[in-house]
């Protein structure tokens, strides 16, 4: 008889737990996004990574370059690769004219 009472208690506890969990509100981060990868660099356009990082320096696009953002990104990537080979990402905030080069912390 004790074994049956134990099984009933476990079943009731399990059902109660499932009932409570079903009413728990799951919070979804609506501002999360997937970051574009280009030449093994994470490109953060007008945003910052959630992970901790160090700023290695910055790279610029000369004023005489094209107004197309795609051209500017390519120039920023090339300069990053040349000046900061250990860089893992670019944070672009200035209409693709300047970018911070970052390396993620372990």
N, C-alpha and C. Protein backbone atom coordinates (compact mmCIF):
# COMPACT_ATOMS: atom_id res chain seq x y z
N UNK A 1 0.82 -1.19 0.00
CA UNK A 1 0.00 0.00 0.00
C UNK A 1 0.87 1.27 0.00
N UNK A 2 1.97 1.23 0.72
CA UNK A 2 2.85 2.40 0.79
C UNK A 2 3.45 2.72 -0.59
N UNK A 3 3.76 1.68 -1.35
CA UNK A 3 4.32 1.87 -2.69
C UNK A 3 3.33 2.59 -3.60
N UNK A 4 2.06 2.26 -3.52
CA UNK A 4 1.02 2.88 -4.33
C UNK A 4 0.85 4.34 -3.97
N UNK A 5 0.86 4.66 -2.67
CA UNK A 5 0.76 6.05 -2.21
C UNK A 5 1.93 6.88 -2.70
N UNK A 6 3.10 6.27 -2.71
CA UNK A 6 4.30 6.96 -3.16
C UNK A 6 4.19 7.29 -4.67
N UNK A 7 3.70 6.32 -5.46
CA UNK A 7 3.53 6.53 -6.90
C UNK A 7 2.50 7.61 -7.18
N UNK A 8 1.42 7.60 -6.39
CA UNK A 8 0.37 8.62 -6.57
C UNK A 8 0.92 10.00 -6.22
N UNK A 9 1.71 10.11 -5.15
CA UNK A 9 2.29 11.39 -4.73
C UNK A 9 3.24 11.92 -5.80
N UNK A 10 4.05 11.04 -6.37
CA UNK A 10 4.98 11.45 -7.43
C UNK A 10 4.21 11.90 -8.66
N UNK A 11 3.16 11.19 -9.03
CA UNK A 11 2.36 11.55 -10.19
C UNK A 11 1.68 12.90 -10.00
N UNK A 12 1.13 13.14 -8.80
CA UNK A 12 0.47 14.42 -8.51
C UNK A 12 1.50 15.55 -8.53
N UNK A 13 2.66 15.33 -7.94
CA UNK A 13 3.72 16.34 -7.92
C UNK A 13 4.18 16.65 -9.34
N UNK A 14 4.33 15.64 -10.17
CA UNK A 14 4.73 15.83 -11.56
C UNK A 14 3.67 16.60 -12.34
N UNK A 15 2.42 16.25 -12.15
CA UNK A 15 1.32 16.95 -12.84
C UNK A 15 1.26 18.41 -12.39
N UNK A 16 1.43 18.65 -11.11
CA UNK A 16 1.40 20.02 -10.58
C UNK A 16 2.56 20.83 -11.15
N UNK A 17 3.74 20.23 -11.24
CA UNK A 17 4.91 20.92 -11.81
C UNK A 17 4.66 21.28 -13.27
N UNK A 18 4.12 20.34 -14.03
CA UNK A 18 3.81 20.60 -15.45
C UNK A 18 2.77 21.72 -15.59
N UNK A 19 1.81 21.73 -14.73
CA UNK A 19 0.76 22.76 -14.74
C UNK A 19 1.37 24.14 -14.48
N UNK A 20 2.23 24.23 -13.48
CA UNK A 20 2.86 25.52 -13.13
C UNK A 20 3.76 25.98 -14.27
N UNK A 21 4.55 25.07 -14.84
CA UNK A 21 5.46 25.43 -15.93
C UNK A 21 4.69 25.92 -17.15
N UNK A 22 3.53 25.36 -17.40
CA UNK A 22 2.76 25.76 -18.58
C UNK A 22 2.29 27.21 -18.50
N UNK A 23 2.19 27.77 -17.31
CA UNK A 23 1.77 29.15 -17.15
C UNK A 23 2.95 30.11 -16.96
N UNK A 24 4.15 29.58 -16.94
CA UNK A 24 5.35 30.41 -16.81
C UNK A 24 5.60 31.12 -18.12
N UNK A 25 5.77 32.43 -18.05
CA UNK A 25 5.99 33.22 -19.25
C UNK A 25 7.46 33.15 -19.63
N UNK A 26 7.73 32.76 -20.88
CA UNK A 26 9.09 32.70 -21.37
C UNK A 26 9.39 34.02 -22.05
N UNK A 27 10.43 34.67 -21.57
CA UNK A 27 10.81 35.98 -22.09
C UNK A 27 11.72 35.79 -23.31
N UNK A 28 11.35 36.36 -24.45
CA UNK A 28 12.13 36.28 -25.67
C UNK A 28 12.77 37.64 -25.93
N UNK A 29 14.07 37.62 -26.19
CA UNK A 29 14.77 38.86 -26.49
C UNK A 29 14.49 39.24 -27.94
N UNK A 30 13.65 40.23 -28.14
CA UNK A 30 13.23 40.63 -29.49
C UNK A 30 14.30 41.42 -30.23
N UNK A 31 15.36 41.83 -29.54
CA UNK A 31 16.40 42.60 -30.21
C UNK A 31 17.62 41.76 -30.55
N UNK A 32 17.58 40.47 -30.27
CA UNK A 32 18.69 39.60 -30.62
C UNK A 32 18.74 39.41 -32.13
N UNK A 33 19.94 39.22 -32.66
CA UNK A 33 20.09 39.07 -34.11
C UNK A 33 21.27 38.18 -34.42
N UNK A 34 21.33 37.73 -35.65
CA UNK A 34 22.48 36.99 -36.14
C UNK A 34 23.42 37.99 -36.81
N UNK A 35 24.69 37.88 -36.50
CA UNK A 35 25.67 38.82 -37.01
C UNK A 35 26.24 38.32 -38.33
N UNK A 36 26.41 39.24 -39.26
CA UNK A 36 26.98 38.90 -40.57
C UNK A 36 28.47 38.58 -40.41
N UNK A 37 28.92 37.53 -41.07
CA UNK A 37 30.33 37.16 -41.10
C UNK A 37 30.89 37.50 -42.48
N UNK A 38 32.06 38.11 -42.50
CA UNK A 38 32.71 38.45 -43.75
C UNK A 38 34.21 38.32 -43.53
N UNK A 39 34.88 37.47 -44.29
CA UNK A 39 36.32 37.24 -44.16
C UNK A 39 36.70 36.86 -42.72
N UNK A 40 35.91 36.02 -42.10
CA UNK A 40 36.12 35.55 -40.72
C UNK A 40 36.04 36.67 -39.69
N UNK A 41 35.39 37.75 -40.02
CA UNK A 41 35.16 38.85 -39.08
C UNK A 41 33.66 38.97 -38.83
N UNK A 42 33.29 39.23 -37.60
CA UNK A 42 31.89 39.52 -37.27
C UNK A 42 31.68 41.00 -37.47
N UNK A 43 30.69 41.37 -38.29
CA UNK A 43 30.43 42.76 -38.60
C UNK A 43 29.20 43.22 -37.80
N UNK A 44 29.42 44.15 -36.88
CA UNK A 44 28.34 44.70 -36.06
C UNK A 44 28.02 46.10 -36.58
N UNK A 45 26.93 46.25 -37.29
CA UNK A 45 26.54 47.54 -37.87
C UNK A 45 25.59 48.26 -36.93
N UNK A 46 26.03 49.38 -36.40
CA UNK A 46 25.23 50.21 -35.51
C UNK A 46 24.72 49.43 -34.29
N UNK A 47 25.54 48.49 -33.81
CA UNK A 47 25.20 47.72 -32.61
C UNK A 47 26.50 47.22 -31.99
N UNK A 48 26.39 46.62 -30.82
CA UNK A 48 27.56 46.10 -30.13
C UNK A 48 27.32 44.65 -29.74
N UNK A 49 28.39 43.86 -29.67
CA UNK A 49 28.22 42.47 -29.26
C UNK A 49 27.86 42.36 -27.78
N UNK A 50 27.17 41.29 -27.44
CA UNK A 50 26.82 41.03 -26.05
C UNK A 50 28.03 40.47 -25.31
N UNK A 51 28.83 39.67 -25.99
CA UNK A 51 30.03 39.08 -25.39
C UNK A 51 31.05 40.17 -25.06
N UNK A 52 31.85 39.90 -24.06
CA UNK A 52 32.90 40.87 -23.67
C UNK A 52 33.99 40.87 -24.73
N UNK A 53 34.56 42.06 -24.94
CA UNK A 53 35.58 42.20 -25.97
C UNK A 53 36.55 43.32 -25.60
N UNK A 54 37.71 43.31 -26.24
CA UNK A 54 38.69 44.38 -26.13
C UNK A 54 38.74 45.10 -27.46
N UNK A 55 38.94 46.41 -27.41
CA UNK A 55 39.08 47.21 -28.63
C UNK A 55 40.58 47.26 -28.96
N UNK A 56 40.93 46.76 -30.15
CA UNK A 56 42.32 46.76 -30.57
C UNK A 56 42.72 48.09 -31.20
N UNK A 57 41.78 48.77 -31.83
CA UNK A 57 42.05 50.03 -32.51
C UNK A 57 40.90 50.35 -33.44
N UNK A 58 41.16 51.25 -34.38
CA UNK A 58 40.11 51.59 -35.34
C UNK A 58 40.69 51.68 -36.74
N UNK A 59 39.80 51.53 -37.71
CA UNK A 59 40.17 51.66 -39.12
C UNK A 59 39.20 52.64 -39.77
N UNK A 60 39.70 53.34 -40.81
CA UNK A 60 38.89 54.35 -41.49
C UNK A 60 38.85 54.10 -42.99
N UNK A 61 37.82 54.65 -43.60
CA UNK A 61 37.71 54.67 -45.06
C UNK A 61 38.06 56.08 -45.50
N UNK A 62 38.95 56.23 -46.48
CA UNK A 62 39.27 57.58 -46.97
C UNK A 62 38.02 58.29 -47.50
N UNK A 63 37.98 59.58 -47.36
CA UNK A 63 36.81 60.38 -47.76
C UNK A 63 36.52 60.29 -49.26
N UNK A 64 37.50 59.97 -50.08
CA UNK A 64 37.31 59.94 -51.53
C UNK A 64 36.68 58.64 -52.02
N UNK A 65 36.45 57.70 -51.15
CA UNK A 65 35.90 56.40 -51.55
C UNK A 65 34.42 56.49 -51.87
N UNK A 66 33.92 55.45 -52.49
CA UNK A 66 32.52 55.35 -52.90
C UNK A 66 31.56 55.54 -51.72
N UNK A 67 30.37 56.00 -52.04
CA UNK A 67 29.35 56.17 -51.01
C UNK A 67 28.60 54.87 -50.72
N UNK A 68 28.85 53.83 -51.48
CA UNK A 68 28.16 52.57 -51.26
C UNK A 68 28.69 51.89 -50.00
N UNK A 69 27.79 51.48 -49.12
CA UNK A 69 28.21 50.87 -47.86
C UNK A 69 28.97 49.57 -48.08
N UNK A 70 28.62 48.80 -49.13
CA UNK A 70 29.32 47.55 -49.42
C UNK A 70 30.78 47.77 -49.75
N UNK A 71 31.07 48.82 -50.53
CA UNK A 71 32.46 49.16 -50.85
C UNK A 71 33.22 49.56 -49.60
N UNK A 72 32.58 50.33 -48.77
CA UNK A 72 33.23 50.80 -47.54
C UNK A 72 33.52 49.65 -46.59
N UNK A 73 32.59 48.72 -46.48
CA UNK A 73 32.82 47.56 -45.61
C UNK A 73 34.02 46.77 -46.09
N UNK A 74 34.13 46.56 -47.40
CA UNK A 74 35.28 45.82 -47.95
C UNK A 74 36.60 46.53 -47.62
N UNK A 75 36.61 47.85 -47.71
CA UNK A 75 37.82 48.61 -47.38
C UNK A 75 38.13 48.48 -45.88
N UNK A 76 37.11 48.57 -45.04
CA UNK A 76 37.32 48.43 -43.60
C UNK A 76 37.88 47.04 -43.27
N UNK A 77 37.35 46.01 -43.92
CA UNK A 77 37.82 44.64 -43.68
C UNK A 77 39.28 44.50 -44.11
N UNK A 78 39.63 45.01 -45.28
CA UNK A 78 41.01 44.92 -45.76
C UNK A 78 41.98 45.63 -44.81
N UNK A 79 41.57 46.81 -44.36
CA UNK A 79 42.44 47.56 -43.44
C UNK A 79 42.55 46.85 -42.09
N UNK A 80 41.45 46.27 -41.64
CA UNK A 80 41.48 45.52 -40.39
C UNK A 80 42.44 44.34 -40.48
N UNK A 81 42.33 43.58 -41.57
CA UNK A 81 43.19 42.42 -41.77
C UNK A 81 44.67 42.81 -41.82
N UNK A 82 44.94 43.98 -42.44
CA UNK A 82 46.32 44.45 -42.57
C UNK A 82 46.85 44.98 -41.25
N UNK A 83 46.10 45.87 -40.61
CA UNK A 83 46.58 46.55 -39.40
C UNK A 83 46.39 45.75 -38.11
N UNK A 84 45.36 44.91 -38.07
CA UNK A 84 45.03 44.15 -36.85
C UNK A 84 44.70 42.70 -37.23
N UNK A 85 45.72 41.91 -37.58
CA UNK A 85 45.46 40.54 -38.04
C UNK A 85 44.77 39.66 -36.98
N UNK A 86 44.88 40.00 -35.70
CA UNK A 86 44.22 39.20 -34.66
C UNK A 86 42.78 39.66 -34.39
N UNK A 87 42.32 40.67 -35.13
CA UNK A 87 40.95 41.17 -34.95
C UNK A 87 39.92 40.11 -35.29
N UNK A 88 38.84 40.10 -34.50
CA UNK A 88 37.77 39.12 -34.72
C UNK A 88 36.46 39.76 -35.12
N UNK A 89 36.39 41.08 -35.06
CA UNK A 89 35.14 41.73 -35.42
C UNK A 89 35.32 43.21 -35.66
N UNK A 90 34.32 43.81 -36.30
CA UNK A 90 34.28 45.25 -36.54
C UNK A 90 32.97 45.80 -36.00
N UNK A 91 33.06 46.90 -35.27
CA UNK A 91 31.86 47.62 -34.84
C UNK A 91 31.80 48.89 -35.66
N UNK A 92 30.80 48.96 -36.54
CA UNK A 92 30.66 50.09 -37.47
C UNK A 92 29.52 50.97 -36.99
N UNK A 93 29.81 52.24 -36.71
CA UNK A 93 28.79 53.16 -36.23
C UNK A 93 28.69 54.44 -37.05
N UNK A 94 29.70 54.75 -37.80
CA UNK A 94 29.79 56.05 -38.45
C UNK A 94 29.46 55.96 -39.94
N UNK A 95 28.29 55.45 -40.26
CA UNK A 95 27.87 55.31 -41.64
C UNK A 95 28.95 54.65 -42.50
N UNK A 96 29.55 53.61 -41.95
CA UNK A 96 30.53 52.77 -42.62
C UNK A 96 31.79 53.52 -43.01
N UNK A 97 32.11 54.59 -42.30
CA UNK A 97 33.34 55.34 -42.56
C UNK A 97 34.43 55.00 -41.56
N UNK A 98 34.06 54.61 -40.36
CA UNK A 98 35.01 54.28 -39.30
C UNK A 98 34.50 53.03 -38.59
N UNK A 99 35.42 52.17 -38.18
CA UNK A 99 35.03 50.96 -37.43
C UNK A 99 36.04 50.69 -36.33
N UNK A 100 35.55 50.19 -35.20
CA UNK A 100 36.42 49.74 -34.13
C UNK A 100 36.73 48.27 -34.40
N UNK A 101 37.98 47.91 -34.25
CA UNK A 101 38.40 46.51 -34.41
C UNK A 101 38.41 45.89 -33.03
N UNK A 102 37.76 44.73 -32.89
CA UNK A 102 37.64 44.10 -31.58
C UNK A 102 38.18 42.67 -31.58
N UNK A 103 38.53 42.21 -30.39
CA UNK A 103 38.90 40.82 -30.15
C UNK A 103 38.10 40.38 -28.93
N UNK A 104 37.41 39.25 -29.05
CA UNK A 104 36.58 38.76 -27.96
C UNK A 104 37.43 38.22 -26.83
N UNK A 105 36.97 38.46 -25.60
CA UNK A 105 37.65 37.91 -24.43
C UNK A 105 37.27 36.45 -24.28
N UNK A 106 38.16 35.69 -23.71
CA UNK A 106 37.91 34.25 -23.51
C UNK A 106 36.96 34.02 -22.39
